[in-house]
Amino acid sequence: MAPTSTLVAPPDGAQAPPGTPGSRPRNRMKALAGWAYAAPTALFVLIFFIVPIVLVGRMSVSDWGLFTGNEGINAPENFTDVLDDRLFWPAVWFTVKYTVVTTLILLALALALAMLVQEANRWTGFLRTSFLVPSALGLASASLLFYALYSPQSTPLGFLGIDSFLGTPNAALWSTVALVVWRFAGFYMLLLLVGLQGISGDVYEAARLDGAGRWQTFRYVTLPLLKSSLALCTILCVTGSMLAFDQFYILTKGGPDNSTITIVQLVYNMAFFGQNNLGRAAALSILVLVALLVVNALQFRGLRDKES
């Protein structure tokens, strides 16, 4: 007599084995629940990222004026006009210079502050809070605050007889760098502090037992184990500096003599100030987007190579 098999129902609360009829509706419900959770984020990305990028791409190949609207395709005239603009290459050079200077100073200061408040003592809480407070202020508000401070009518600077913080190209650059460093140093300090606290104390103890001094411990222990945090801060700082707009628009308006105009300011000028050409501004925005993608890709590749 051939043996017969019987199906035994799983106990209450137990999951049915994969492939059984009871597991398919449950898996379908899980998939629907996952799509339901992801739908708001996907909708947000679609409306505020994908649709604007598609619109900018369409505008970049069209003769699109601020007041006239779309007057037809003119590719690649917008891109060639952008490259021939007299302010394009000076803006690129100034943006690169500002990015390099700001990144180096900001990361060095943030790392020094993070190491200063790494060890807990009775002043640690006060110092951490003091360094982090400027990060709570909006960049536009901080720019207005420094604009008032740099004004010749400012009480502290007027008392010292200083009236040239924004009067020359170098003074305007370094005055803006000072504002950005003051505003963001505490934020990057916090990111690096998290990385420092993730380093085990046993590693430092082993380095001390091997006779390593402070500089050797910092160079061969702290920096290698802090590469991921430093890479994150570098990516954020480089991206933010390449997209700088608020601080220069409020402090210098691109002056004196267009010496502090950034690439994003040039986009604004092409679209709304003087040229009123949305198509050309969109073409420059596409170039900026491509440059950001290339820079970030190189940074991520360098990070992966170091980690491997």
C-alpha atoms as a PDB file:
ATOM      1  CA  MET A   1       0.000   0.000   0.000  1.00  0.00           C
ATOM      2  CA  ALA A   2       1.482   3.346  -1.077  1.00  0.00           C
ATOM      3  CA  PRO A   3       2.178   5.813   1.726  1.00  0.00           C
ATOM      4  CA  THR A   4       0.021   8.894   1.911  1.00  0.00           C
ATOM      5  CA  SER A   5       1.110  12.393   2.932  1.00  0.00           C
ATOM      6  CA  THR A   6      -0.923  14.829   4.930  1.00  0.00           C
ATOM      7  CA  LEU A   7      -0.577  18.606   5.236  1.00  0.00           C
ATOM      8  CA  VAL A   8      -0.164  19.789   8.777  1.00  0.00           C
ATOM      9  CA  ALA A   9      -1.233  23.380   9.406  1.00  0.00           C
ATOM     10  CA  PRO A  10       1.406  25.500  11.119  1.00  0.00           C
ATOM     11  CA  PRO A  11       0.700  26.477  14.697  1.00  0.00           C
ATOM     12  CA  ASP A  12      -0.829  29.874  15.457  1.00  0.00           C
ATOM     13  CA  GLY A  13       1.669  32.729  14.982  1.00  0.00           C
ATOM     14  CA  ALA A  14       4.060  30.607  12.913  1.00  0.00           C
ATOM     15  CA  GLN A  15       4.945  31.650   9.357  1.00  0.00           C
ATOM     16  CA  ALA A  16       4.004  29.296   6.561  1.00  0.00           C
ATOM     17  CA  PRO A  17       6.915  27.800   4.615  1.00  0.00           C
ATOM     18  CA  PRO A  18       7.796  29.599   1.363  1.00  0.00           C
ATOM     19  CA  GLY A  19       5.897  28.336  -1.634  1.00  0.00           C
ATOM     20  CA  THR A  20       2.852  27.184   0.313  1.00  0.00           C
ATOM     21  CA  PRO A  21      -0.514  28.713  -0.599  1.00  0.00           C
ATOM     22  CA  GLY A  22      -0.788  30.486   2.756  1.00  0.00           C
ATOM     23  CA  SER A  23       2.524  32.333   2.336  1.00  0.00           C
ATOM     24  CA  ARG A  24       1.658  34.072  -0.946  1.00  0.00           C
ATOM     25  CA  PRO A  25      -1.037  36.479   0.386  1.00  0.00           C
ATOM     26  CA  ARG A  26       1.183  37.276   3.350  1.00  0.00           C
ATOM     27  CA  ASN A  27       4.176  38.072   1.110  1.00  0.00           C
ATOM     28  CA  ARG A  28       1.931  40.174  -1.106  1.00  0.00           C
ATOM     29  CA  MET A  29       0.745  42.160   1.915  1.00  0.00           C
ATOM     30  CA  LYS A  30       4.339  42.734   3.006  1.00  0.00           C
ATOM     31  CA  ALA A  31       5.243  43.967  -0.474  1.00  0.00           C
ATOM     32  CA  LEU A  32       2.265  46.330  -0.522  1.00  0.00           C
ATOM     33  CA  ALA A  33       3.178  47.616   2.943  1.00  0.00           C
ATOM     34  CA  GLY A  34       6.733  48.284   1.737  1.00  0.00           C
ATOM     35  CA  TRP A  35       5.466  50.219  -1.289  1.00  0.00           C
ATOM     36  CA  ALA A  36       3.128  52.190   0.967  1.00  0.00           C
ATOM     37  CA  TYR A  37       5.995  53.211   3.234  1.00  0.00           C
ATOM     38  CA  ALA A  38       8.207  54.172   0.263  1.00  0.00           C
ATOM     39  CA  ALA A  39       5.484  56.028  -1.670  1.00  0.00           C
ATOM     40  CA  PRO A  40       5.676  59.405   0.198  1.00  0.00           C
ATOM     41  CA  THR A  41       9.452  59.608  -0.237  1.00  0.00           C
ATOM     42  CA  ALA A  42       9.228  58.548  -3.879  1.00  0.00           C
ATOM     43  CA  LEU A  43       6.531  61.163  -4.503  1.00  0.00           C
ATOM     44  CA  PHE A  44       8.642  63.845  -2.809  1.00  0.00           C
ATOM     45  CA  VAL A  45      11.686  62.945  -4.934  1.00  0.00           C
ATOM     46  CA  LEU A  46       9.566  62.909  -8.092  1.00  0.00           C
ATOM     47  CA  ILE A  47       7.967  66.310  -7.498  1.00  0.00           C
ATOM     48  CA  PHE A  48      10.905  68.223  -6.062  1.00  0.00           C
ATOM     49  CA  PHE A  49      13.889  66.574  -7.812  1.00  0.00           C
ATOM     50  CA  ILE A  50      13.046  64.604 -10.939  1.00  0.00           C
ATOM     51  CA  VAL A  51      10.468  67.009 -12.395  1.00  0.00           C
ATOM     52  CA  PRO A  52      12.652  70.139 -11.841  1.00  0.00           C
ATOM     53  CA  ILE A  53      15.685  68.415 -13.386  1.00  0.00           C
ATOM     54  CA  VAL A  54      13.656  67.421 -16.444  1.00  0.00           C
ATOM     55  CA  LEU A  55      12.303  70.982 -16.728  1.00  0.00           C
ATOM     56  CA  VAL A  56      15.790  72.483 -16.413  1.00  0.00           C
ATOM     57  CA  GLY A  57      17.066  70.056 -19.039  1.00  0.00           C
ATOM     58  CA  ARG A  58      14.312  71.168 -21.409  1.00  0.00           C
ATOM     59  CA  MET A  59      14.987  74.842 -20.709  1.00  0.00           C
ATOM     60  CA  SER A  60      18.731  74.383 -21.295  1.00  0.00           C
ATOM     61  CA  VAL A  61      18.150  73.510 -24.967  1.00  0.00           C
ATOM     62  CA  SER A  62      15.459  76.139 -25.546  1.00  0.00           C
ATOM     63  CA  ASP A  63      15.357  79.859 -26.180  1.00  0.00           C
ATOM     64  CA  TRP A  64      13.513  80.524 -22.924  1.00  0.00           C
ATOM     65  CA  GLY A  65      13.286  84.104 -21.716  1.00  0.00           C
ATOM     66  CA  LEU A  66      12.141  85.234 -18.302  1.00  0.00           C
ATOM     67  CA  PHE A  67       9.286  87.303 -19.767  1.00  0.00           C
ATOM     68  CA  THR A  68       8.883  85.736 -23.220  1.00  0.00           C
ATOM     69  CA  GLY A  69       8.693  82.057 -22.285  1.00  0.00           C
ATOM     70  CA  ASN A  70       9.713  79.191 -24.570  1.00  0.00           C
ATOM     71  CA  GLU A  71      10.453  80.365 -28.111  1.00  0.00           C
ATOM     72  CA  GLY A  72      11.774  77.101 -29.548  1.00  0.00           C
ATOM     73  CA  ILE A  73      14.792  74.806 -29.481  1.00  0.00           C
ATOM     74  CA  ASN A  74      18.206  76.413 -29.910  1.00  0.00           C
ATOM     75  CA  ALA A  75      20.624  73.650 -28.798  1.00  0.00           C
ATOM     76  CA  PRO A  76      23.532  73.921 -28.249  1.00  0.00           C
ATOM     77  CA  GLU A  77      23.530  77.718 -28.425  1.00  0.00           C
ATOM     78  CA  ASN A  78      22.859  78.180 -24.695  1.00  0.00           C
ATOM     79  CA  PHE A  79      25.905  76.112 -23.726  1.00  0.00           C
ATOM     80  CA  THR A  80      28.244  77.871 -26.120  1.00  0.00           C
ATOM     81  CA  ASP A  81      26.969  81.258 -24.957  1.00  0.00           C
ATOM     82  CA  VAL A  82      27.660  80.257 -21.352  1.00  0.00           C
ATOM     83  CA  LEU A  83      31.243  79.260 -22.160  1.00  0.00           C
ATOM     84  CA  ASP A  84      31.760  82.533 -24.047  1.00  0.00           C
ATOM     85  CA  ASP A  85      30.390  84.675 -21.222  1.00  0.00           C
ATOM     86  CA  ARG A  86      33.062  87.050 -19.936  1.00  0.00           C
ATOM     87  CA  LEU A  87      32.284  86.193 -16.294  1.00  0.00           C
ATOM     88  CA  PHE A  88      32.160  82.398 -16.679  1.00  0.00           C
ATOM     89  CA  TRP A  89      35.836  81.503 -16.276  1.00  0.00           C
ATOM     90  CA  PRO A  90      36.516  84.125 -13.541  1.00  0.00           C
ATOM     91  CA  ALA A  91      33.509  82.727 -11.642  1.00  0.00           C
ATOM     92  CA  VAL A  92      34.792  79.157 -12.063  1.00  0.00           C
ATOM     93  CA  TRP A  93      38.265  80.113 -10.854  1.00  0.00           C
ATOM     94  CA  PHE A  94      36.931  82.050  -7.869  1.00  0.00           C
ATOM     95  CA  THR A  95      34.569  79.205  -6.907  1.00  0.00           C
ATOM     96  CA  VAL A  96      37.424  76.686  -7.030  1.00  0.00           C
ATOM     97  CA  LYS A  97      39.694  78.955  -4.979  1.00  0.00           C
ATOM     98  CA  TYR A  98      36.985  79.592  -2.413  1.00  0.00           C
ATOM     99  CA  THR A  99      36.195  75.853  -2.198  1.00  0.00           C
ATOM    100  CA  VAL A 100      39.818  74.863  -1.590  1.00  0.00           C
ATOM    101  CA  VAL A 101      40.473  77.582   1.000  1.00  0.00           C
ATOM    102  CA  THR A 102      37.230  77.006   2.888  1.00  0.00           C
ATOM    103  CA  THR A 103      37.560  73.221   2.930  1.00  0.00           C
ATOM    104  CA  LEU A 104      41.128  73.215   4.238  1.00  0.00           C
ATOM    105  CA  ILE A 105      40.542  75.810   6.959  1.00  0.00           C
ATOM    106  CA  LEU A 106      37.164  74.464   8.014  1.00  0.00           C
ATOM    107  CA  LEU A 107      38.241  70.814   8.333  1.00  0.00           C
ATOM    108  CA  ALA A 108      41.470  71.698  10.149  1.00  0.00           C
ATOM    109  CA  LEU A 109      39.642  73.881  12.668  1.00  0.00           C
ATOM    110  CA  ALA A 110      36.802  71.385  13.109  1.00  0.00           C
ATOM    111  CA  LEU A 111      39.267  68.565  13.808  1.00  0.00           C
ATOM    112  CA  ALA A 112      41.140  70.714  16.335  1.00  0.00           C
ATOM    113  CA  LEU A 113      37.888  71.586  18.114  1.00  0.00           C
ATOM    114  CA  ALA A 114      36.751  67.964  18.121  1.00  0.00           C
ATOM    115  CA  MET A 115      40.013  66.827  19.709  1.00  0.00           C
ATOM    116  CA  LEU A 116      39.799  69.676  22.218  1.00  0.00           C
ATOM    117  CA  VAL A 117      36.401  68.558  23.517  1.00  0.00           C
ATOM    118  CA  GLN A 118      36.965  64.829  23.082  1.00  0.00           C
ATOM    119  CA  GLU A 119      37.909  64.163  26.703  1.00  0.00           C
ATOM    120  CA  ALA A 120      35.182  64.775  29.251  1.00  0.00           C
ATOM    121  CA  ASN A 121      35.827  67.376  31.942  1.00  0.00           C
ATOM    122  CA  ARG A 122      33.825  70.072  33.677  1.00  0.00           C
ATOM    123  CA  TRP A 123      34.246  72.485  30.732  1.00  0.00           C
ATOM    124  CA  THR A 124      33.457  69.974  27.978  1.00  0.00           C
ATOM    125  CA  GLY A 125      29.692  70.564  27.910  1.00  0.00           C
ATOM    126  CA  PHE A 126      30.092  74.335  27.851  1.00  0.00           C
ATOM    127  CA  LEU A 127      32.678  74.249  25.066  1.00  0.00           C
ATOM    128  CA  ARG A 128      30.712  71.821  22.912  1.00  0.00           C
ATOM    129  CA  THR A 129      27.594  73.948  23.232  1.00  0.00           C
ATOM    130  CA  SER A 130      29.492  77.167  22.501  1.00  0.00           C
ATOM    131  CA  PHE A 131      31.091  75.738  19.356  1.00  0.00           C
ATOM    132  CA  LEU A 132      27.790  74.290  18.137  1.00  0.00           C
ATOM    133  CA  VAL A 133      25.543  77.323  18.755  1.00  0.00           C
ATOM    134  CA  PRO A 134      26.450  79.147  15.484  1.00  0.00           C
ATOM    135  CA  SER A 135      25.277  76.090  13.527  1.00  0.00           C
ATOM    136  CA  ALA A 136      21.726  76.746  14.714  1.00  0.00           C
ATOM    137  CA  LEU A 137      21.723  80.106  12.928  1.00  0.00           C
ATOM    138  CA  GLY A 138      20.652  80.200   9.289  1.00  0.00           C
ATOM    139  CA  LEU A 139      23.317  81.085   6.760  1.00  0.00           C
ATOM    140  CA  ALA A 140      21.372  84.118   5.515  1.00  0.00           C
ATOM    141  CA  SER A 141      20.897  85.359   9.080  1.00  0.00           C
ATOM    142  CA  ALA A 142      24.572  84.829   9.852  1.00  0.00           C
ATOM    143  CA  SER A 143      25.490  86.711   6.665  1.00  0.00           C
ATOM    144  CA  LEU A 144      23.336  89.671   7.695  1.00  0.00           C
ATOM    145  CA  LEU A 145      24.926  89.597  11.146  1.00  0.00           C
ATOM    146  CA  PHE A 146      28.445  89.713   9.680  1.00  0.00           C
ATOM    147  CA  TYR A 147      27.382  92.353   7.161  1.00  0.00           C
ATOM    148  CA  ALA A 148      26.425  94.589  10.065  1.00  0.00           C
ATOM    149  CA  LEU A 149      29.684  93.714  11.822  1.00  0.00           C
ATOM    150  CA  TYR A 150      31.767  94.515   8.731  1.00  0.00           C
ATOM    151  CA  SER A 151      30.009  97.826   8.197  1.00  0.00           C
ATOM    152  CA  PRO A 152      32.225 100.892   8.789  1.00  0.00           C
ATOM    153  CA  GLN A 153      29.508 102.164  11.118  1.00  0.00           C
ATOM    154  CA  SER A 154      29.901  99.058  13.291  1.00  0.00           C
ATOM    155  CA  THR A 155      30.832 100.088  16.824  1.00  0.00           C
ATOM    156  CA  PRO A 156      33.664  97.547  17.418  1.00  0.00           C
ATOM    157  CA  LEU A 157      35.310  98.023  14.008  1.00  0.00           C
ATOM    158  CA  GLY A 158      34.733 101.746  13.956  1.00  0.00           C
ATOM    159  CA  PHE A 159      36.461 101.992  17.328  1.00  0.00           C
ATOM    160  CA  LEU A 160      39.441 100.078  15.879  1.00  0.00           C
ATOM    161  CA  GLY A 161      39.502 102.201  12.736  1.00  0.00           C
ATOM    162  CA  ILE A 162      38.908  99.232  10.402  1.00  0.00           C
ATOM    163  CA  ASP A 163      36.749  99.944   7.349  1.00  0.00           C
ATOM    164  CA  SER A 164      38.060  97.708   4.520  1.00  0.00           C
ATOM    165  CA  PHE A 165      36.674  94.260   5.257  1.00  0.00           C
ATOM    166  CA  LEU A 166      34.706  94.167   1.994  1.00  0.00           C
ATOM    167  CA  GLY A 167      36.459  96.883   0.004  1.00  0.00           C
ATOM    168  CA  THR A 168      39.064  94.777  -1.858  1.00  0.00           C
ATOM    169  CA  PRO A 169      38.839  91.332  -3.534  1.00  0.00           C
ATOM    170  CA  ASN A 170      41.119  89.601  -1.021  1.00  0.00           C
ATOM    171  CA  ALA A 171      39.459  91.268   1.951  1.00  0.00           C
ATOM    172  CA  ALA A 172      36.011  90.290   0.682  1.00  0.00           C
ATOM    173  CA  LEU A 173      37.108  86.680   0.146  1.00  0.00           C
ATOM    174  CA  TRP A 174      38.682  86.240   3.563  1.00  0.00           C
ATOM    175  CA  SER A 175      35.838  88.056   5.301  1.00  0.00           C
ATOM    176  CA  THR A 176      33.370  85.613   3.739  1.00  0.00           C
ATOM    177  CA  VAL A 177      35.574  82.633   4.624  1.00  0.00           C
ATOM    178  CA  ALA A 178      35.604  83.843   8.235  1.00  0.00           C
ATOM    179  CA  LEU A 179      31.806  83.923   8.229  1.00  0.00           C
ATOM    180  CA  VAL A 180      31.509  80.403   6.794  1.00  0.00           C
ATOM    181  CA  VAL A 181      34.087  78.965   9.185  1.00  0.00           C
ATOM    182  CA  TRP A 182      32.339  80.545  12.176  1.00  0.00           C
ATOM    183  CA  ARG A 183      28.977  79.228  10.971  1.00  0.00           C
ATOM    184  CA  PHE A 184      29.937  75.634  10.106  1.00  0.00           C
ATOM    185  CA  ALA A 185      32.930  74.753  12.296  1.00  0.00           C
ATOM    186  CA  GLY A 186      30.712  73.476  15.115  1.00  0.00           C
ATOM    187  CA  PHE A 187      28.683  71.274  12.768  1.00  0.00           C
ATOM    188  CA  TYR A 188      31.755  69.571  11.323  1.00  0.00           C
ATOM    189  CA  MET A 189      33.237  69.370  14.814  1.00  0.00           C
ATOM    190  CA  LEU A 190      30.214  67.320  15.845  1.00  0.00           C
ATOM    191  CA  LEU A 191      30.625  64.917  12.914  1.00  0.00           C
ATOM    192  CA  LEU A 192      34.327  64.429  13.655  1.00  0.00           C
ATOM    193  CA  LEU A 193      33.657  64.092  17.373  1.00  0.00           C
ATOM    194  CA  VAL A 194      31.366  61.143  16.656  1.00  0.00           C
ATOM    195  CA  GLY A 195      34.174  59.546  14.665  1.00  0.00           C
ATOM    196  CA  LEU A 196      36.721  60.179  17.420  1.00  0.00           C
ATOM    197  CA  GLN A 197      34.494  58.631  20.058  1.00  0.00           C
ATOM    198  CA  GLY A 198      34.120  55.563  17.858  1.00  0.00           C
ATOM    199  CA  ILE A 199      37.849  54.829  18.172  1.00  0.00           C
ATOM    200  CA  SER A 200      38.478  52.315  20.941  1.00  0.00           C
ATOM    201  CA  GLY A 201      40.644  53.411  23.843  1.00  0.00           C
ATOM    202  CA  ASP A 202      42.524  50.117  23.612  1.00  0.00           C
ATOM    203  CA  VAL A 203      44.073  51.309  20.355  1.00  0.00           C
ATOM    204  CA  TYR A 204      45.523  54.386  22.026  1.00  0.00           C
ATOM    205  CA  GLU A 205      46.692  52.292  24.976  1.00  0.00           C
ATOM    206  CA  ALA A 206      48.496  49.914  22.629  1.00  0.00           C
ATOM    207  CA  ALA A 207      50.136  52.868  20.864  1.00  0.00           C
ATOM    208  CA  ARG A 208      51.352  54.290  24.192  1.00  0.00           C
ATOM    209  CA  LEU A 209      52.766  50.912  25.194  1.00  0.00           C
ATOM    210  CA  ASP A 210      54.677  50.829  21.917  1.00  0.00           C
ATOM    211  CA  GLY A 211      56.236  54.182  22.775  1.00  0.00           C
ATOM    212  CA  ALA A 212      54.273  56.381  20.375  1.00  0.00           C
ATOM    213  CA  GLY A 213      54.175  60.071  21.186  1.00  0.00           C
ATOM    214  CA  ARG A 214      51.255  62.446  20.680  1.00  0.00           C
ATOM    215  CA  TRP A 215      52.167  63.335  17.121  1.00  0.00           C
ATOM    216  CA  GLN A 216      52.798  59.702  16.156  1.00  0.00           C
ATOM    217  CA  THR A 217      49.509  58.646  17.757  1.00  0.00           C
ATOM    218  CA  PHE A 218      47.663  61.369  15.884  1.00  0.00           C
ATOM    219  CA  ARG A 219      49.313  60.564  12.558  1.00  0.00           C
ATOM    220  CA  TYR A 220      49.291  56.774  12.629  1.00  0.00           C
ATOM    221  CA  VAL A 221      46.243  56.030  14.792  1.00  0.00           C
ATOM    222  CA  THR A 222      43.731  58.901  14.849  1.00  0.00           C
ATOM    223  CA  LEU A 223      43.883  60.023  11.223  1.00  0.00           C
ATOM    224  CA  PRO A 224      43.696  56.538   9.631  1.00  0.00           C
ATOM    225  CA  LEU A 225      40.750  55.540  11.826  1.00  0.00           C
ATOM    226  CA  LEU A 226      39.035  58.867  11.155  1.00  0.00           C
ATOM    227  CA  LYS A 227      39.191  58.647   7.348  1.00  0.00           C
ATOM    228  CA  SER A 228      35.500  57.873   6.884  1.00  0.00           C
ATOM    229  CA  SER A 229      34.385  60.857   8.976  1.00  0.00           C
ATOM    230  CA  LEU A 230      36.895  63.153   7.287  1.00  0.00           C
ATOM    231  CA  ALA A 231      35.731  61.946   3.868  1.00  0.00           C
ATOM    232  CA  LEU A 232      32.103  62.682   4.755  1.00  0.00           C
ATOM    233  CA  CYS A 233      32.989  66.168   5.979  1.00  0.00           C
ATOM    234  CA  THR A 234      35.071  66.798   2.867  1.00  0.00           C
ATOM    235  CA  ILE A 235      32.234  65.803   0.533  1.00  0.00           C
ATOM    236  CA  LEU A 236      29.746  68.005   2.375  1.00  0.00           C
ATOM    237  CA  CYS A 237      32.127  70.950   2.536  1.00  0.00           C
ATOM    238  CA  VAL A 238      33.179  70.758  -1.115  1.00  0.00           C
ATOM    239  CA  THR A 239      29.581  70.436  -2.306  1.00  0.00           C
ATOM    240  CA  GLY A 240      28.395  73.325  -0.133  1.00  0.00           C
ATOM    241  CA  SER A 241      31.286  75.556  -1.210  1.00  0.00           C
ATOM    242  CA  MET A 242      30.737  74.893  -4.913  1.00  0.00           C
ATOM    243  CA  LEU A 243      27.092  75.922  -4.447  1.00  0.00           C
ATOM    244  CA  ALA A 244      27.885  79.038  -2.404  1.00  0.00           C
ATOM    245  CA  PHE A 245      25.406  81.854  -2.972  1.00  0.00           C
ATOM    246  CA  ASP A 246      23.796  83.351   0.146  1.00  0.00           C
ATOM    247  CA  GLN A 247      26.925  84.633   1.845  1.00  0.00           C
ATOM    248  CA  PHE A 248      28.363  86.339  -1.241  1.00  0.00           C
ATOM    249  CA  TYR A 249      25.025  87.715  -2.389  1.00  0.00           C
ATOM    250  CA  ILE A 250      24.448  89.362   0.993  1.00  0.00           C
ATOM    251  CA  LEU A 251      27.994  90.442   1.822  1.00  0.00           C
ATOM    252  CA  THR A 252      29.540  91.450  -1.498  1.00  0.00           C
ATOM    253  CA  LYS A 253      26.884  91.219  -4.277  1.00  0.00           C
ATOM    254  CA  GLY A 254      29.721  89.728  -6.331  1.00  0.00           C
ATOM    255  CA  GLY A 255      31.908  92.814  -5.912  1.00  0.00           C
ATOM    256  CA  PRO A 256      34.114  94.632  -5.926  1.00  0.00           C
ATOM    257  CA  ASP A 257      34.224  94.613  -9.757  1.00  0.00           C
ATOM    258  CA  ASN A 258      32.747  91.083 -10.004  1.00  0.00           C
ATOM    259  CA  SER A 259      35.802  89.677  -8.234  1.00  0.00           C
ATOM    260  CA  THR A 260      33.780  87.553  -5.794  1.00  0.00           C
ATOM    261  CA  ILE A 261      31.061  86.255  -8.068  1.00  0.00           C
ATOM    262  CA  THR A 262      30.482  82.509  -7.736  1.00  0.00           C
ATOM    263  CA  ILE A 263      29.157  80.131 -10.339  1.00  0.00           C
ATOM    264  CA  VAL A 264      25.738  79.972  -8.660  1.00  0.00           C
ATOM    265  CA  GLN A 265      25.603  83.773  -8.533  1.00  0.00           C
ATOM    266  CA  LEU A 266      26.272  83.768 -12.262  1.00  0.00           C
ATOM    267  CA  VAL A 267      23.284  81.438 -12.726  1.00  0.00           C
ATOM    268  CA  TYR A 268      21.151  83.911 -10.782  1.00  0.00           C
ATOM    269  CA  ASN A 269      22.418  86.871 -12.800  1.00  0.00           C
ATOM    270  CA  MET A 270      21.705  85.124 -16.090  1.00  0.00           C
ATOM    271  CA  ALA A 271      18.174  84.250 -15.024  1.00  0.00           C
ATOM    272  CA  PHE A 272      16.967  87.300 -13.102  1.00  0.00           C
ATOM    273  CA  PHE A 273      19.495  90.118 -13.165  1.00  0.00           C
ATOM    274  CA  GLY A 274      20.354  91.816 -16.413  1.00  0.00           C
ATOM    275  CA  GLN A 275      20.129  89.002 -18.968  1.00  0.00           C
ATOM    276  CA  ASN A 276      16.718  87.554 -17.998  1.00  0.00           C
ATOM    277  CA  ASN A 277      17.608  84.414 -19.942  1.00  0.00           C
ATOM    278  CA  LEU A 278      16.293  81.278 -18.234  1.00  0.00           C
ATOM    279  CA  GLY A 279      17.570  79.018 -21.006  1.00  0.00           C
ATOM    280  CA  ARG A 280      21.163  80.142 -20.582  1.00  0.00           C
ATOM    281  CA  ALA A 281      20.867  79.944 -16.786  1.00  0.00           C
ATOM    282  CA  ALA A 282      19.486  76.403 -17.104  1.00  0.00           C
ATOM    283  CA  ALA A 283      22.413  75.423 -19.339  1.00  0.00           C
ATOM    284  CA  LEU A 284      24.866  76.705 -16.732  1.00  0.00           C
ATOM    285  CA  SER A 285      22.931  74.822 -14.030  1.00  0.00           C
ATOM    286  CA  ILE A 286      23.361  71.599 -16.031  1.00  0.00           C
ATOM    287  CA  LEU A 287      27.106  72.231 -16.243  1.00  0.00           C
ATOM    288  CA  VAL A 288      27.259  72.807 -12.479  1.00  0.00           C
ATOM    289  CA  LEU A 289      25.319  69.584 -11.866  1.00  0.00           C
ATOM    290  CA  VAL A 290      27.710  67.597 -14.072  1.00  0.00           C
ATOM    291  CA  ALA A 291      30.716  69.130 -12.282  1.00  0.00           C
ATOM    292  CA  LEU A 292      29.251  68.195  -8.888  1.00  0.00           C
ATOM    293  CA  LEU A 293      28.589  64.630 -10.020  1.00  0.00           C
ATOM    294  CA  VAL A 294      32.161  64.271 -11.298  1.00  0.00           C
ATOM    295  CA  VAL A 295      33.721  65.734  -8.141  1.00  0.00           C
ATOM    296  CA  ASN A 296      31.598  63.593  -5.814  1.00  0.00           C
ATOM    297  CA  ALA A 297      32.265  60.473  -7.887  1.00  0.00           C
ATOM    298  CA  LEU A 298      36.020  61.075  -7.640  1.00  0.00           C
ATOM    299  CA  GLN A 299      35.745  61.603  -3.895  1.00  0.00           C
ATOM    300  CA  PHE A 300      33.735  58.406  -3.385  1.00  0.00           C
ATOM    301  CA  ARG A 301      36.179  56.471  -5.559  1.00  0.00           C
ATOM    302  CA  GLY A 302      39.123  57.784  -3.576  1.00  0.00           C
ATOM    303  CA  LEU A 303      37.376  56.811  -0.343  1.00  0.00           C
ATOM    304  CA  ARG A 304      36.735  53.266  -1.576  1.00  0.00           C
ATOM    305  CA  ASP A 305      40.340  52.878  -2.719  1.00  0.00           C
ATOM    306  CA  LYS A 306      41.677  53.992   0.675  1.00  0.00           C
ATOM    307  CA  GLU A 307      39.321  51.685   2.556  1.00  0.00           C
ATOM    308  CA  SER A 308      40.245  48.706   0.369  1.00  0.00           C
END
